[in-house]
Amino acid sequence: MELYKRGKVVKMSTGTKDRKLALTKHAFTLATREWELARDNPVKRVSLARDNNVRDRWLDQYEERKLPDASPVWLQEIIIFATNAGMRLEEILSLRWKYVDLNRAVATIMKTKNKERRTIPLNQVVLGHSVKTVTIDNFHAAH
């Protein structure tokens, strides 16, 4: 198992190895606890590797200008909002006007990917687009 983790048996990314190991651990846990097909879980004590495939990618100015035009019309406002507010798609789609404070120029995200609330500053581009376009609340009501 240790040779497998170090990549000596099969070459694959750390994340892929961790997912395969987690699946194997889960299968043995089911086999021992639920199905009583095994007495012990031999991979229970094998630790997962620390996955560090963090991507730090920014659009350059040219890409940021061209992306909305290269996208479907229904997606353009979302892209402009996302690139200017730094919000994830799920955060944007779940945003409601009651959580937007135009006076302070902030939006409060009640449930993020990390299950925490956070406040996002809104720049002039976002404020200009959000005021002149159909609200996301209306989009949800129509779809």
N, C-alpha and C. Protein backbone atom coordinates (compact mmCIF):
# COMPACT_ATOMS: atom_id res chain seq x y z
N MET A 1 0.82 -1.18 0.00
CA MET A 1 0.00 0.00 0.00
C MET A 1 0.87 1.25 0.00
N GLU A 2 1.98 1.20 0.74
CA GLU A 2 2.87 2.36 0.81
C GLU A 2 3.50 2.65 -0.56
N LEU A 3 3.88 1.60 -1.30
CA LEU A 3 4.42 1.80 -2.64
C LEU A 3 3.38 2.43 -3.56
N TYR A 4 2.13 2.01 -3.43
CA TYR A 4 1.03 2.56 -4.21
C TYR A 4 0.88 4.05 -3.90
N LYS A 5 0.90 4.41 -2.61
CA LYS A 5 0.73 5.81 -2.21
C LYS A 5 1.85 6.69 -2.75
N ARG A 6 3.08 6.15 -2.80
CA ARG A 6 4.22 6.94 -3.27
C ARG A 6 4.31 6.97 -4.79
N GLY A 7 3.41 6.26 -5.48
CA GLY A 7 3.40 6.29 -6.93
C GLY A 7 4.36 5.32 -7.57
N LYS A 8 4.83 4.33 -6.81
CA LYS A 8 5.79 3.37 -7.36
C LYS A 8 5.09 2.27 -8.17
N VAL A 9 3.81 2.03 -7.91
CA VAL A 9 3.07 0.99 -8.61
C VAL A 9 2.39 1.55 -9.84
N VAL A 10 1.63 2.62 -9.67
CA VAL A 10 0.89 3.24 -10.77
C VAL A 10 1.06 4.75 -10.65
N LYS A 11 1.36 5.41 -11.77
CA LYS A 11 1.51 6.87 -11.76
C LYS A 11 0.13 7.52 -11.87
N MET A 12 -0.23 8.31 -10.87
CA MET A 12 -1.46 9.10 -10.91
C MET A 12 -1.32 10.25 -9.92
N SER A 13 -2.19 11.21 -10.04
CA SER A 13 -2.11 12.39 -9.16
C SER A 13 -2.45 12.00 -7.73
N THR A 14 -2.01 12.82 -6.80
CA THR A 14 -2.27 12.59 -5.38
C THR A 14 -3.77 12.54 -5.12
N GLY A 15 -4.51 13.44 -5.75
CA GLY A 15 -5.97 13.48 -5.56
C GLY A 15 -6.63 12.19 -6.02
N THR A 16 -6.18 11.67 -7.16
CA THR A 16 -6.75 10.41 -7.68
C THR A 16 -6.43 9.26 -6.74
N LYS A 17 -5.19 9.22 -6.25
CA LYS A 17 -4.83 8.15 -5.29
C LYS A 17 -5.67 8.25 -4.03
N ASP A 18 -5.87 9.47 -3.53
CA ASP A 18 -6.68 9.65 -2.32
C ASP A 18 -8.12 9.21 -2.53
N ARG A 19 -8.70 9.56 -3.68
CA ARG A 19 -10.08 9.15 -3.95
C ARG A 19 -10.19 7.63 -4.05
N LYS A 20 -9.22 6.99 -4.69
CA LYS A 20 -9.25 5.53 -4.80
C LYS A 20 -9.06 4.88 -3.43
N LEU A 21 -8.16 5.44 -2.62
CA LEU A 21 -7.93 4.92 -1.28
C LEU A 21 -9.18 5.10 -0.41
N ALA A 22 -9.81 6.27 -0.51
CA ALA A 22 -11.03 6.53 0.26
C ALA A 22 -12.13 5.55 -0.14
N LEU A 23 -12.24 5.26 -1.42
CA LEU A 23 -13.24 4.30 -1.89
C LEU A 23 -12.94 2.90 -1.35
N THR A 24 -11.67 2.51 -1.36
CA THR A 24 -11.27 1.21 -0.82
C THR A 24 -11.56 1.13 0.68
N LYS A 25 -11.23 2.20 1.39
CA LYS A 25 -11.53 2.23 2.83
C LYS A 25 -13.02 2.08 3.09
N HIS A 26 -13.81 2.79 2.32
CA HIS A 26 -15.26 2.73 2.49
C HIS A 26 -15.80 1.33 2.17
N ALA A 27 -15.27 0.72 1.12
CA ALA A 27 -15.72 -0.63 0.75
C ALA A 27 -15.42 -1.62 1.88
N PHE A 28 -14.23 -1.52 2.47
CA PHE A 28 -13.89 -2.41 3.59
C PHE A 28 -14.72 -2.11 4.83
N THR A 29 -15.01 -0.83 5.05
CA THR A 29 -15.86 -0.47 6.19
C THR A 29 -17.24 -1.09 6.01
N LEU A 30 -17.81 -1.01 4.82
CA LEU A 30 -19.10 -1.65 4.55
C LEU A 30 -19.01 -3.16 4.71
N ALA A 31 -17.93 -3.73 4.20
CA ALA A 31 -17.76 -5.19 4.28
C ALA A 31 -17.67 -5.67 5.72
N THR A 32 -17.05 -4.88 6.60
CA THR A 32 -16.92 -5.31 8.00
C THR A 32 -18.14 -4.95 8.83
N ARG A 33 -18.63 -3.73 8.71
CA ARG A 33 -19.73 -3.29 9.59
C ARG A 33 -21.11 -3.69 9.10
N GLU A 34 -21.37 -3.48 7.82
CA GLU A 34 -22.71 -3.68 7.29
C GLU A 34 -22.96 -5.12 6.83
N TRP A 35 -22.03 -5.65 6.06
CA TRP A 35 -22.27 -6.94 5.42
C TRP A 35 -21.64 -8.11 6.15
N GLU A 36 -20.75 -7.82 7.11
CA GLU A 36 -20.05 -8.84 7.88
C GLU A 36 -19.32 -9.84 6.99
N LEU A 37 -18.69 -9.35 5.94
CA LEU A 37 -17.93 -10.19 5.01
C LEU A 37 -16.44 -10.22 5.35
N ALA A 38 -16.01 -9.29 6.18
CA ALA A 38 -14.61 -9.24 6.59
C ALA A 38 -14.56 -8.95 8.09
N ARG A 39 -13.48 -9.39 8.71
CA ARG A 39 -13.34 -9.18 10.16
C ARG A 39 -12.66 -7.85 10.49
N ASP A 40 -11.79 -7.43 9.57
CA ASP A 40 -11.00 -6.24 9.84
C ASP A 40 -10.88 -5.42 8.56
N ASN A 41 -10.66 -4.14 8.73
CA ASN A 41 -10.44 -3.24 7.60
C ASN A 41 -8.93 -3.00 7.49
N PRO A 42 -8.25 -3.67 6.55
CA PRO A 42 -6.79 -3.55 6.48
C PRO A 42 -6.29 -2.18 6.03
N VAL A 43 -7.14 -1.37 5.45
CA VAL A 43 -6.69 -0.05 5.00
C VAL A 43 -7.17 1.07 5.92
N LYS A 44 -7.77 0.71 7.03
CA LYS A 44 -8.31 1.71 7.96
C LYS A 44 -7.23 2.65 8.47
N ARG A 45 -6.06 2.12 8.73
CA ARG A 45 -4.99 2.93 9.32
C ARG A 45 -4.08 3.60 8.28
N VAL A 46 -4.36 3.39 7.00
CA VAL A 46 -3.57 4.04 5.95
C VAL A 46 -4.08 5.46 5.79
N SER A 47 -3.18 6.42 5.95
CA SER A 47 -3.59 7.82 5.88
C SER A 47 -3.63 8.31 4.44
N LEU A 48 -4.51 9.26 4.21
CA LEU A 48 -4.59 9.89 2.91
C LEU A 48 -3.44 10.90 2.79
N ALA A 49 -2.97 11.09 1.57
CA ALA A 49 -1.91 12.08 1.33
C ALA A 49 -2.53 13.47 1.34
N ARG A 50 -1.73 14.43 1.57
CA ARG A 50 -2.21 15.82 1.49
C ARG A 50 -2.21 16.22 0.04
N ASP A 51 -3.40 16.47 -0.48
CA ASP A 51 -3.53 16.87 -1.88
C ASP A 51 -3.28 18.36 -2.00
N ASN A 52 -2.33 18.73 -2.84
CA ASN A 52 -2.01 20.14 -3.00
C ASN A 52 -1.97 20.51 -4.48
N ASN A 53 -3.10 20.29 -5.16
CA ASN A 53 -3.14 20.75 -6.54
C ASN A 53 -3.99 22.01 -6.63
N VAL A 54 -3.56 23.02 -5.87
CA VAL A 54 -4.23 24.30 -5.86
C VAL A 54 -3.91 25.01 -7.17
N ARG A 55 -4.95 25.55 -7.78
CA ARG A 55 -4.75 26.30 -9.01
C ARG A 55 -4.95 27.78 -8.70
N ASP A 56 -3.99 28.56 -9.10
CA ASP A 56 -4.08 30.00 -8.93
C ASP A 56 -4.08 30.59 -10.32
N ARG A 57 -5.26 30.72 -10.89
CA ARG A 57 -5.39 31.15 -12.28
C ARG A 57 -6.25 32.40 -12.35
N TRP A 58 -5.76 33.40 -13.00
CA TRP A 58 -6.50 34.64 -13.18
C TRP A 58 -6.68 34.88 -14.67
N LEU A 59 -7.81 35.45 -15.04
CA LEU A 59 -8.00 35.86 -16.42
C LEU A 59 -7.17 37.12 -16.66
N ASP A 60 -6.53 37.21 -17.81
CA ASP A 60 -5.89 38.48 -18.12
C ASP A 60 -6.96 39.44 -18.66
N GLN A 61 -6.61 40.69 -18.86
CA GLN A 61 -7.60 41.69 -19.27
C GLN A 61 -8.28 41.33 -20.59
N TYR A 62 -7.49 40.80 -21.51
CA TYR A 62 -8.05 40.40 -22.81
C TYR A 62 -9.08 39.29 -22.63
N GLU A 63 -8.74 38.25 -21.85
CA GLU A 63 -9.67 37.15 -21.61
C GLU A 63 -10.94 37.62 -20.91
N GLU A 64 -10.77 38.51 -19.95
CA GLU A 64 -11.93 39.02 -19.19
C GLU A 64 -12.88 39.80 -20.10
N ARG A 65 -12.33 40.56 -21.03
CA ARG A 65 -13.18 41.31 -21.98
C ARG A 65 -13.87 40.38 -22.97
N LYS A 66 -13.18 39.35 -23.43
CA LYS A 66 -13.69 38.48 -24.49
C LYS A 66 -14.65 37.40 -23.99
N LEU A 67 -14.50 36.96 -22.73
CA LEU A 67 -15.30 35.85 -22.21
C LEU A 67 -16.81 36.08 -22.31
N PRO A 68 -17.36 37.21 -21.88
CA PRO A 68 -18.82 37.37 -22.00
C PRO A 68 -19.31 37.30 -23.45
N ASP A 69 -18.58 37.92 -24.37
CA ASP A 69 -18.99 37.90 -25.77
C ASP A 69 -18.95 36.51 -26.39
N ALA A 70 -18.08 35.65 -25.87
CA ALA A 70 -17.95 34.29 -26.39
C ALA A 70 -18.94 33.33 -25.71
N SER A 71 -19.76 33.85 -24.81
CA SER A 71 -20.67 33.01 -24.02
C SER A 71 -22.11 33.24 -24.47
N PRO A 72 -23.00 32.28 -24.14
CA PRO A 72 -24.42 32.48 -24.45
C PRO A 72 -24.96 33.72 -23.73
N VAL A 73 -25.95 34.35 -24.31
CA VAL A 73 -26.51 35.59 -23.76
C VAL A 73 -26.95 35.40 -22.31
N TRP A 74 -27.59 34.28 -22.00
CA TRP A 74 -28.11 34.05 -20.65
C TRP A 74 -27.01 33.95 -19.61
N LEU A 75 -25.77 33.68 -20.05
CA LEU A 75 -24.66 33.51 -19.13
C LEU A 75 -23.80 34.78 -18.97
N GLN A 76 -23.96 35.74 -19.86
CA GLN A 76 -23.10 36.90 -19.89
C GLN A 76 -23.14 37.72 -18.59
N GLU A 77 -24.34 38.00 -18.08
CA GLU A 77 -24.44 38.79 -16.85
C GLU A 77 -23.83 38.04 -15.66
N ILE A 78 -24.00 36.74 -15.63
CA ILE A 78 -23.42 35.93 -14.55
C ILE A 78 -21.90 36.00 -14.61
N ILE A 79 -21.34 35.92 -15.81
CA ILE A 79 -19.89 35.99 -15.97
C ILE A 79 -19.36 37.36 -15.53
N ILE A 80 -20.04 38.42 -15.93
CA ILE A 80 -19.61 39.77 -15.53
C ILE A 80 -19.67 39.89 -14.00
N PHE A 81 -20.75 39.38 -13.42
CA PHE A 81 -20.89 39.43 -11.96
C PHE A 81 -19.78 38.62 -11.29
N ALA A 82 -19.55 37.41 -11.78
CA ALA A 82 -18.54 36.52 -11.17
C ALA A 82 -17.14 37.09 -11.27
N THR A 83 -16.78 37.62 -12.42
CA THR A 83 -15.42 38.13 -12.59
C THR A 83 -15.17 39.40 -11.79
N ASN A 84 -16.22 40.16 -11.52
CA ASN A 84 -16.05 41.41 -10.77
C ASN A 84 -16.27 41.25 -9.28
N ALA A 85 -17.01 40.23 -8.86
CA ALA A 85 -17.26 40.04 -7.43
C ALA A 85 -16.44 38.89 -6.86
N GLY A 86 -15.87 38.04 -7.72
CA GLY A 86 -15.08 36.92 -7.24
C GLY A 86 -15.93 35.87 -6.55
N MET A 87 -17.15 35.71 -7.01
CA MET A 87 -18.06 34.75 -6.38
C MET A 87 -18.18 33.49 -7.23
N ARG A 88 -18.46 32.38 -6.57
CA ARG A 88 -18.70 31.12 -7.26
C ARG A 88 -20.11 31.13 -7.86
N LEU A 89 -20.32 30.28 -8.86
CA LEU A 89 -21.61 30.20 -9.54
C LEU A 89 -22.74 29.94 -8.56
N GLU A 90 -22.57 28.97 -7.67
CA GLU A 90 -23.62 28.64 -6.70
C GLU A 90 -23.93 29.82 -5.80
N GLU A 91 -22.91 30.59 -5.43
CA GLU A 91 -23.12 31.78 -4.60
C GLU A 91 -23.94 32.83 -5.35
N ILE A 92 -23.63 33.00 -6.62
CA ILE A 92 -24.36 33.99 -7.43
C ILE A 92 -25.81 33.56 -7.62
N LEU A 93 -26.01 32.29 -7.96
CA LEU A 93 -27.37 31.81 -8.22
C LEU A 93 -28.23 31.77 -6.96
N SER A 94 -27.62 31.66 -5.79
CA SER A 94 -28.41 31.62 -4.56
C SER A 94 -28.58 33.01 -3.94
N LEU A 95 -27.94 34.02 -4.52
CA LEU A 95 -28.02 35.38 -3.98
C LEU A 95 -29.43 35.95 -4.13
N ARG A 96 -29.91 36.62 -3.10
CA ARG A 96 -31.21 37.27 -3.11
C ARG A 96 -31.03 38.75 -2.79
N TRP A 97 -31.93 39.58 -3.31
CA TRP A 97 -31.81 41.02 -3.11
C TRP A 97 -31.81 41.38 -1.64
N LYS A 98 -32.49 40.63 -0.79
CA LYS A 98 -32.51 40.99 0.63
C LYS A 98 -31.12 40.89 1.27
N TYR A 99 -30.18 40.20 0.59
CA TYR A 99 -28.82 40.08 1.11
C TYR A 99 -27.84 41.03 0.41
N VAL A 100 -28.37 41.94 -0.41
CA VAL A 100 -27.54 42.93 -1.09
C VAL A 100 -27.80 44.30 -0.47
N ASP A 101 -26.75 44.93 -0.01
CA ASP A 101 -26.84 46.27 0.58
C ASP A 101 -26.19 47.25 -0.39
N LEU A 102 -27.02 47.93 -1.19
CA LEU A 102 -26.49 48.86 -2.18
C LEU A 102 -25.84 50.08 -1.54
N ASN A 103 -26.30 50.47 -0.36
CA ASN A 103 -25.70 51.63 0.32
C ASN A 103 -24.26 51.34 0.74
N ARG A 104 -24.02 50.15 1.23
CA ARG A 104 -22.67 49.76 1.65
C ARG A 104 -21.89 49.09 0.52
N ALA A 105 -22.58 48.79 -0.60
CA ALA A 105 -21.98 48.12 -1.77
C ALA A 105 -21.39 46.76 -1.39
N VAL A 106 -22.22 45.94 -0.70
CA VAL A 106 -21.79 44.59 -0.33
C VAL A 106 -22.95 43.61 -0.55
N ALA A 107 -22.58 42.37 -0.75
CA ALA A 107 -23.54 41.27 -0.80
C ALA A 107 -23.12 40.27 0.27
N THR A 108 -24.10 39.75 0.97
CA THR A 108 -23.80 38.75 2.00
C THR A 108 -24.22 37.39 1.48
N ILE A 109 -23.26 36.49 1.46
CA ILE A 109 -23.51 35.11 1.03
C ILE A 109 -23.79 34.32 2.30
N MET A 110 -24.99 33.79 2.39
CA MET A 110 -25.40 33.11 3.63
C MET A 110 -24.80 31.72 3.75
N LYS A 111 -24.61 31.02 2.63
CA LYS A 111 -24.07 29.67 2.69
C LYS A 111 -23.05 29.51 1.58
N THR A 112 -21.79 29.46 1.96
CA THR A 112 -20.71 29.31 0.99
C THR A 112 -20.32 27.84 0.86
N LYS A 113 -19.36 27.58 0.02
CA LYS A 113 -18.84 26.22 -0.16
C LYS A 113 -18.31 25.68 1.17
N ASN A 114 -17.78 26.56 2.00
CA ASN A 114 -17.23 26.15 3.30
C ASN A 114 -18.27 26.20 4.41
N LYS A 115 -19.53 26.40 4.04
CA LYS A 115 -20.65 26.43 4.99
C LYS A 115 -20.58 27.62 5.94
N GLU A 116 -19.93 28.69 5.51
CA GLU A 116 -19.81 29.88 6.34
C GLU A 116 -20.39 31.08 5.61
N ARG A 117 -20.86 32.03 6.36
CA ARG A 117 -21.37 33.28 5.80
C ARG A 117 -20.19 34.18 5.48
N ARG A 118 -20.27 34.91 4.35
CA ARG A 118 -19.22 35.88 4.04
C ARG A 118 -19.82 37.09 3.32
N THR A 119 -19.15 38.20 3.47
CA THR A 119 -19.59 39.45 2.86
C THR A 119 -18.65 39.80 1.72
N ILE A 120 -19.23 40.10 0.57
CA ILE A 120 -18.48 40.38 -0.64
C ILE A 120 -18.63 41.85 -1.01
N PRO A 121 -17.53 42.58 -1.18
CA PRO A 121 -17.64 43.97 -1.66
C PRO A 121 -18.03 43.96 -3.14
N LEU A 122 -18.91 44.86 -3.52
CA LEU A 122 -19.36 44.95 -4.91
C LEU A 122 -18.78 46.21 -5.55
N ASN A 123 -18.09 46.03 -6.67
CA ASN A 123 -17.51 47.19 -7.34
C ASN A 123 -18.54 47.88 -8.23
N GLN A 124 -18.15 48.96 -8.88
CA GLN A 124 -19.08 49.76 -9.69
C GLN A 124 -19.62 48.98 -10.89
N VAL A 125 -18.84 48.08 -11.44
CA VAL A 125 -19.31 47.28 -12.57
C VAL A 125 -20.47 46.40 -12.13
N VAL A 126 -20.30 45.72 -11.02
CA VAL A 126 -21.35 44.84 -10.49
C VAL A 126 -22.59 45.66 -10.12
N LEU A 127 -22.38 46.77 -9.44
CA LEU A 127 -23.51 47.60 -9.04
C LEU A 127 -24.26 48.12 -10.26
N GLY A 128 -23.55 48.54 -11.28
CA GLY A 128 -24.18 49.03 -12.51
C GLY A 128 -24.99 47.95 -13.20
N HIS A 129 -24.45 46.75 -13.27
CA HIS A 129 -25.16 45.64 -13.92
C HIS A 129 -26.33 45.13 -13.09
N SER A 130 -26.15 45.07 -11.76
CA SER A 130 -27.21 44.50 -10.93
C SER A 130 -28.42 45.41 -10.87
N VAL A 131 -28.23 46.72 -10.98
CA VAL A 131 -29.35 47.65 -10.91
C VAL A 131 -30.11 47.70 -12.23
N LYS A 132 -29.40 47.57 -13.35
CA LYS A 132 -30.08 47.74 -14.64
C LYS A 132 -30.62 46.43 -15.22
N THR A 133 -30.27 45.29 -14.67
CA THR A 133 -30.71 44.02 -15.22
C THR A 133 -31.81 43.39 -14.38
N VAL A 134 -32.40 42.34 -14.94
CA VAL A 134 -33.42 41.60 -14.22
C VAL A 134 -32.79 40.96 -13.00
N THR A 135 -33.46 41.00 -11.87
CA THR A 135 -32.89 40.44 -10.65
C THR A 135 -32.79 38.92 -10.75
N ILE A 136 -31.86 38.38 -10.01
CA ILE A 136 -31.71 36.94 -9.95
C ILE A 136 -32.97 36.32 -9.36
N ASP A 137 -33.63 37.01 -8.41
CA ASP A 137 -34.90 36.52 -7.85
C ASP A 137 -35.93 36.32 -8.94
N ASN A 138 -36.01 37.28 -9.88
CA ASN A 138 -36.97 37.15 -10.97
C ASN A 138 -36.58 36.02 -11.90
N PHE A 139 -35.28 35.82 -12.10
CA PHE A 139 -34.81 34.72 -12.93
C PHE A 139 -35.27 33.39 -12.32
N HIS A 140 -35.11 33.24 -11.02
CA HIS A 140 -35.53 32.00 -10.36
C HIS A 140 -37.03 31.79 -10.45
N ALA A 141 -37.79 32.88 -10.35
CA ALA A 141 -39.25 32.76 -10.42
C ALA A 141 -39.70 32.32 -11.81
N ALA A 142 -38.95 32.75 -12.83
CA ALA A 142 -39.33 32.43 -14.21
C ALA A 142 -38.88 31.03 -14.62
N HIS A 143 -37.88 30.46 -13.93
CA HIS A 143 -37.35 29.16 -14.37
C HIS A 143 -37.57 28.10 -13.35
